Amino acid sequence: TQASLIMSASAADKTSYGCGSRSELTYFGRAMFDEQLRKTHSFKAAFDQARIDIEKREVEAGKEGGFSDPQIYIGPDIVPVLKELETRLDSARNRDS
């Protein structure tokens, strides 16, 4: 729907890496949620940087089959909701600093 934020760890025809019994998080989970969303409250900015980080890790790990190519869809109706959330979280962070 138009009020949706949808992210996937890879394109439909690609493989997402980092899954395994010894992995706490996938490459996508680590880059997006454990690293980038700690730096910004913007899902779009976090996703954009996470893509860069993921591709670098995949190259360094010698993953075959090309870049996993994480995907994002931000419906137009969710944009103001995300912006309000980002503003509130930024304000809370600034108060706590």
N, C-alpha and C. Protein backbone atom coordinates (compact mmCIF):
# COMPACT_ATOMS: atom_id res chain seq x y z
N THR A 1 0.84 -1.19 0.00
CA THR A 1 0.00 0.00 0.00
C THR A 1 0.88 1.25 0.00
N GLN A 2 0.25 2.38 -0.08
CA GLN A 2 0.97 3.64 -0.15
C GLN A 2 1.55 4.06 1.20
N ALA A 3 1.07 3.44 2.29
CA ALA A 3 1.57 3.77 3.63
C ALA A 3 2.46 2.64 4.14
N SER A 4 3.38 2.21 3.29
CA SER A 4 4.26 1.09 3.65
C SER A 4 5.72 1.46 3.46
N LEU A 5 6.53 0.90 4.34
CA LEU A 5 7.99 0.90 4.19
C LEU A 5 8.36 -0.57 4.11
N ILE A 6 8.94 -0.96 2.99
CA ILE A 6 9.30 -2.36 2.77
C ILE A 6 10.78 -2.43 2.43
N MET A 7 11.50 -3.28 3.14
CA MET A 7 12.92 -3.50 2.86
C MET A 7 13.14 -5.00 2.71
N SER A 8 14.04 -5.35 1.80
CA SER A 8 14.45 -6.74 1.69
C SER A 8 15.97 -6.78 1.69
N ALA A 9 16.51 -7.87 2.19
CA ALA A 9 17.96 -8.02 2.30
C ALA A 9 18.63 -8.29 0.97
N SER A 10 17.83 -8.61 -0.04
CA SER A 10 18.40 -8.86 -1.36
C SER A 10 17.32 -8.68 -2.42
N ALA A 11 17.76 -8.55 -3.66
CA ALA A 11 16.84 -8.54 -4.79
C ALA A 11 16.25 -9.94 -4.92
N ALA A 12 15.14 -10.04 -5.62
CA ALA A 12 14.43 -11.32 -5.74
C ALA A 12 15.30 -12.41 -6.37
N ASP A 13 16.21 -12.02 -7.25
CA ASP A 13 17.03 -13.02 -7.93
C ASP A 13 18.44 -13.16 -7.34
N LYS A 14 18.63 -12.62 -6.13
CA LYS A 14 19.94 -12.65 -5.47
C LYS A 14 19.85 -13.37 -4.13
N THR A 15 21.00 -13.63 -3.54
CA THR A 15 21.07 -14.28 -2.23
C THR A 15 21.51 -13.26 -1.19
N SER A 16 20.90 -13.32 -0.02
CA SER A 16 21.33 -12.52 1.12
C SER A 16 22.34 -13.34 1.90
N TYR A 17 23.40 -12.69 2.38
CA TYR A 17 24.48 -13.40 3.05
C TYR A 17 24.52 -13.11 4.54
N GLY A 18 25.22 -13.96 5.25
CA GLY A 18 25.44 -13.77 6.66
C GLY A 18 24.54 -14.62 7.54
N CYS A 19 23.73 -15.46 6.95
CA CYS A 19 22.88 -16.36 7.72
C CYS A 19 23.72 -17.57 8.11
N GLY A 20 23.51 -18.03 9.29
CA GLY A 20 24.22 -19.22 9.73
C GLY A 20 24.11 -19.40 11.23
N SER A 21 24.40 -20.58 11.69
CA SER A 21 24.24 -20.87 13.12
C SER A 21 25.21 -20.06 13.98
N ARG A 22 26.29 -19.58 13.40
CA ARG A 22 27.25 -18.78 14.17
C ARG A 22 27.04 -17.28 14.00
N SER A 23 26.05 -16.89 13.22
CA SER A 23 25.80 -15.47 12.95
C SER A 23 24.67 -14.95 13.82
N GLU A 24 24.96 -13.87 14.54
CA GLU A 24 23.89 -13.22 15.30
C GLU A 24 22.95 -12.47 14.36
N LEU A 25 23.54 -11.85 13.33
CA LEU A 25 22.77 -11.07 12.36
C LEU A 25 23.29 -11.35 10.95
N THR A 26 22.43 -11.19 9.97
CA THR A 26 22.86 -11.27 8.58
C THR A 26 23.66 -10.01 8.24
N TYR A 27 24.29 -9.99 7.07
CA TYR A 27 25.00 -8.78 6.63
C TYR A 27 24.03 -7.61 6.62
N PHE A 28 22.82 -7.83 6.11
CA PHE A 28 21.82 -6.77 6.05
C PHE A 28 21.39 -6.34 7.45
N GLY A 29 21.07 -7.28 8.30
CA GLY A 29 20.62 -6.95 9.66
C GLY A 29 21.66 -6.18 10.43
N ARG A 30 22.91 -6.61 10.32
CA ARG A 30 23.98 -5.92 11.03
C ARG A 30 24.16 -4.50 10.50
N ALA A 31 24.26 -4.36 9.18
CA ALA A 31 24.51 -3.04 8.59
C ALA A 31 23.33 -2.09 8.83
N MET A 32 22.12 -2.57 8.66
CA MET A 32 20.95 -1.70 8.76
C MET A 32 20.58 -1.39 10.21
N PHE A 33 20.34 -2.44 10.98
CA PHE A 33 19.74 -2.24 12.30
C PHE A 33 20.76 -2.08 13.42
N ASP A 34 21.87 -2.79 13.35
CA ASP A 34 22.85 -2.73 14.43
C ASP A 34 23.81 -1.56 14.25
N GLU A 35 24.03 -1.14 13.01
CA GLU A 35 25.00 -0.08 12.77
C GLU A 35 24.36 1.23 12.32
N GLN A 36 23.72 1.25 11.18
CA GLN A 36 23.28 2.51 10.61
C GLN A 36 22.12 3.18 11.36
N LEU A 37 21.17 2.42 11.84
CA LEU A 37 20.08 3.06 12.59
C LEU A 37 20.52 3.53 13.97
N ARG A 38 21.72 3.19 14.37
CA ARG A 38 22.30 3.77 15.60
C ARG A 38 22.89 5.15 15.30
N LYS A 39 23.16 5.43 14.03
CA LYS A 39 23.77 6.70 13.63
C LYS A 39 22.74 7.72 13.14
N THR A 40 21.65 7.25 12.60
CA THR A 40 20.62 8.13 12.06
C THR A 40 19.26 7.54 12.36
N HIS A 41 18.27 8.39 12.44
CA HIS A 41 16.90 7.91 12.61
C HIS A 41 16.15 7.87 11.28
N SER A 42 16.84 8.17 10.21
CA SER A 42 16.25 8.14 8.87
C SER A 42 16.41 6.74 8.28
N PHE A 43 15.30 6.07 8.01
CA PHE A 43 15.37 4.74 7.41
C PHE A 43 16.04 4.81 6.03
N LYS A 44 15.74 5.84 5.27
CA LYS A 44 16.31 5.98 3.92
C LYS A 44 17.82 6.18 3.99
N ALA A 45 18.27 7.09 4.84
CA ALA A 45 19.72 7.34 4.96
C ALA A 45 20.43 6.09 5.48
N ALA A 46 19.83 5.43 6.47
CA ALA A 46 20.43 4.21 7.02
C ALA A 46 20.52 3.14 5.94
N PHE A 47 19.46 2.97 5.17
CA PHE A 47 19.44 1.96 4.11
C PHE A 47 20.49 2.26 3.05
N ASP A 48 20.57 3.52 2.63
CA ASP A 48 21.54 3.88 1.59
C ASP A 48 22.97 3.57 2.03
N GLN A 49 23.32 3.88 3.28
CA GLN A 49 24.66 3.58 3.77
C GLN A 49 24.84 2.08 3.99
N ALA A 50 23.80 1.41 4.47
CA ALA A 50 23.89 -0.03 4.69
C ALA A 50 24.19 -0.76 3.38
N ARG A 51 23.59 -0.34 2.27
CA ARG A 51 23.86 -0.96 0.97
C ARG A 51 25.35 -0.90 0.64
N ILE A 52 25.96 0.25 0.90
CA ILE A 52 27.39 0.42 0.64
C ILE A 52 28.20 -0.53 1.52
N ASP A 53 27.84 -0.58 2.81
CA ASP A 53 28.55 -1.45 3.75
C ASP A 53 28.40 -2.92 3.38
N ILE A 54 27.21 -3.32 2.99
CA ILE A 54 26.93 -4.71 2.64
C ILE A 54 27.74 -5.12 1.41
N GLU A 55 27.74 -4.29 0.39
CA GLU A 55 28.49 -4.62 -0.82
C GLU A 55 29.97 -4.77 -0.50
N LYS A 56 30.52 -3.89 0.33
CA LYS A 56 31.93 -3.98 0.72
C LYS A 56 32.19 -5.30 1.45
N ARG A 57 31.33 -5.68 2.38
CA ARG A 57 31.51 -6.94 3.12
C ARG A 57 31.41 -8.14 2.20
N GLU A 58 30.50 -8.09 1.26
CA GLU A 58 30.35 -9.22 0.33
C GLU A 58 31.59 -9.37 -0.55
N VAL A 59 32.14 -8.27 -1.00
CA VAL A 59 33.36 -8.31 -1.82
C VAL A 59 34.51 -8.85 -0.98
N GLU A 60 34.66 -8.32 0.24
CA GLU A 60 35.74 -8.76 1.12
C GLU A 60 35.63 -10.25 1.46
N ALA A 61 34.41 -10.75 1.57
CA ALA A 61 34.20 -12.16 1.91
C ALA A 61 34.29 -13.07 0.69
N GLY A 62 34.42 -12.48 -0.50
CA GLY A 62 34.53 -13.27 -1.72
C GLY A 62 33.25 -13.96 -2.13
N LYS A 63 32.12 -13.35 -1.80
CA LYS A 63 30.83 -13.96 -2.16
C LYS A 63 30.66 -13.97 -3.67
N GLU A 64 30.22 -15.11 -4.18
CA GLU A 64 30.01 -15.25 -5.62
C GLU A 64 28.57 -14.93 -5.96
N GLY A 65 28.31 -14.65 -7.20
CA GLY A 65 26.95 -14.40 -7.65
C GLY A 65 26.58 -12.93 -7.66
N GLY A 66 27.53 -12.07 -7.36
CA GLY A 66 27.25 -10.64 -7.41
C GLY A 66 26.64 -10.09 -6.14
N PHE A 67 26.52 -8.80 -6.11
CA PHE A 67 25.98 -8.06 -4.99
C PHE A 67 24.55 -8.50 -4.69
N SER A 68 24.23 -8.66 -3.41
CA SER A 68 22.89 -9.11 -3.01
C SER A 68 21.82 -8.08 -3.35
N ASP A 69 22.20 -6.82 -3.48
CA ASP A 69 21.31 -5.76 -3.96
C ASP A 69 20.06 -5.57 -3.09
N PRO A 70 20.22 -5.20 -1.80
CA PRO A 70 19.05 -4.95 -0.95
C PRO A 70 18.11 -3.93 -1.60
N GLN A 71 16.83 -4.09 -1.31
CA GLN A 71 15.79 -3.27 -1.93
C GLN A 71 15.01 -2.52 -0.87
N ILE A 72 14.49 -1.34 -1.24
CA ILE A 72 13.63 -0.57 -0.35
C ILE A 72 12.49 0.05 -1.16
N TYR A 73 11.33 0.08 -0.56
CA TYR A 73 10.18 0.80 -1.11
C TYR A 73 9.62 1.66 0.01
N ILE A 74 9.50 2.95 -0.25
CA ILE A 74 8.90 3.87 0.71
C ILE A 74 7.68 4.48 0.05
N GLY A 75 6.51 4.03 0.49
CA GLY A 75 5.26 4.56 -0.07
C GLY A 75 5.09 6.02 0.29
N PRO A 76 4.49 6.80 -0.59
CA PRO A 76 4.37 8.24 -0.34
C PRO A 76 3.59 8.60 0.93
N ASP A 77 2.64 7.78 1.31
CA ASP A 77 1.84 8.10 2.49
C ASP A 77 2.57 7.83 3.80
N ILE A 78 3.65 7.06 3.76
CA ILE A 78 4.41 6.78 4.99
C ILE A 78 5.51 7.83 5.21
N VAL A 79 5.84 8.60 4.19
CA VAL A 79 6.92 9.58 4.29
C VAL A 79 6.71 10.56 5.45
N PRO A 80 5.53 11.19 5.58
CA PRO A 80 5.37 12.12 6.71
C PRO A 80 5.41 11.43 8.07
N VAL A 81 4.96 10.21 8.14
CA VAL A 81 5.02 9.44 9.39
C VAL A 81 6.48 9.18 9.78
N LEU A 82 7.29 8.77 8.80
CA LEU A 82 8.70 8.51 9.06
C LEU A 82 9.43 9.80 9.43
N LYS A 83 9.08 10.90 8.78
CA LYS A 83 9.71 12.18 9.10
C LYS A 83 9.38 12.61 10.52
N GLU A 84 8.14 12.43 10.93
CA GLU A 84 7.73 12.77 12.30
C GLU A 84 8.48 11.89 13.31
N LEU A 85 8.59 10.61 13.03
CA LEU A 85 9.32 9.70 13.91
C LEU A 85 10.78 10.11 14.01
N GLU A 86 11.39 10.41 12.88
CA GLU A 86 12.79 10.84 12.86
C GLU A 86 12.98 12.10 13.72
N THR A 87 12.08 13.07 13.57
CA THR A 87 12.16 14.32 14.34
C THR A 87 12.02 14.05 15.83
N ARG A 88 11.06 13.22 16.21
CA ARG A 88 10.85 12.91 17.63
C ARG A 88 12.07 12.19 18.21
N LEU A 89 12.62 11.22 17.49
CA LEU A 89 13.79 10.49 17.98
C LEU A 89 15.02 11.38 18.06
N ASP A 90 15.19 12.27 17.09
CA ASP A 90 16.31 13.21 17.13
C ASP A 90 16.18 14.14 18.34
N SER A 91 14.97 14.60 18.62
CA SER A 91 14.73 15.47 19.77
C SER A 91 15.03 14.75 21.07
N ALA A 92 14.61 13.51 21.16
CA ALA A 92 14.86 12.72 22.37
C ALA A 92 16.36 12.49 22.56
N ARG A 93 17.07 12.21 21.47
CA ARG A 93 18.52 12.01 21.55
C ARG A 93 19.20 13.29 22.02
N ASN A 94 18.76 14.43 21.49
CA ASN A 94 19.36 15.70 21.87
C ASN A 94 19.10 16.05 23.33
N ARG A 95 17.92 15.69 23.85
CA ARG A 95 17.60 15.93 25.26
C ARG A 95 18.47 15.07 26.17
N ASP A 96 18.75 13.84 25.72
CA ASP A 96 19.51 12.89 26.53
C ASP A 96 21.01 13.14 26.48
N SER A 97 21.45 13.96 25.53
CA SER A 97 22.90 14.21 25.37
C SER A 97 23.42 15.19 26.39
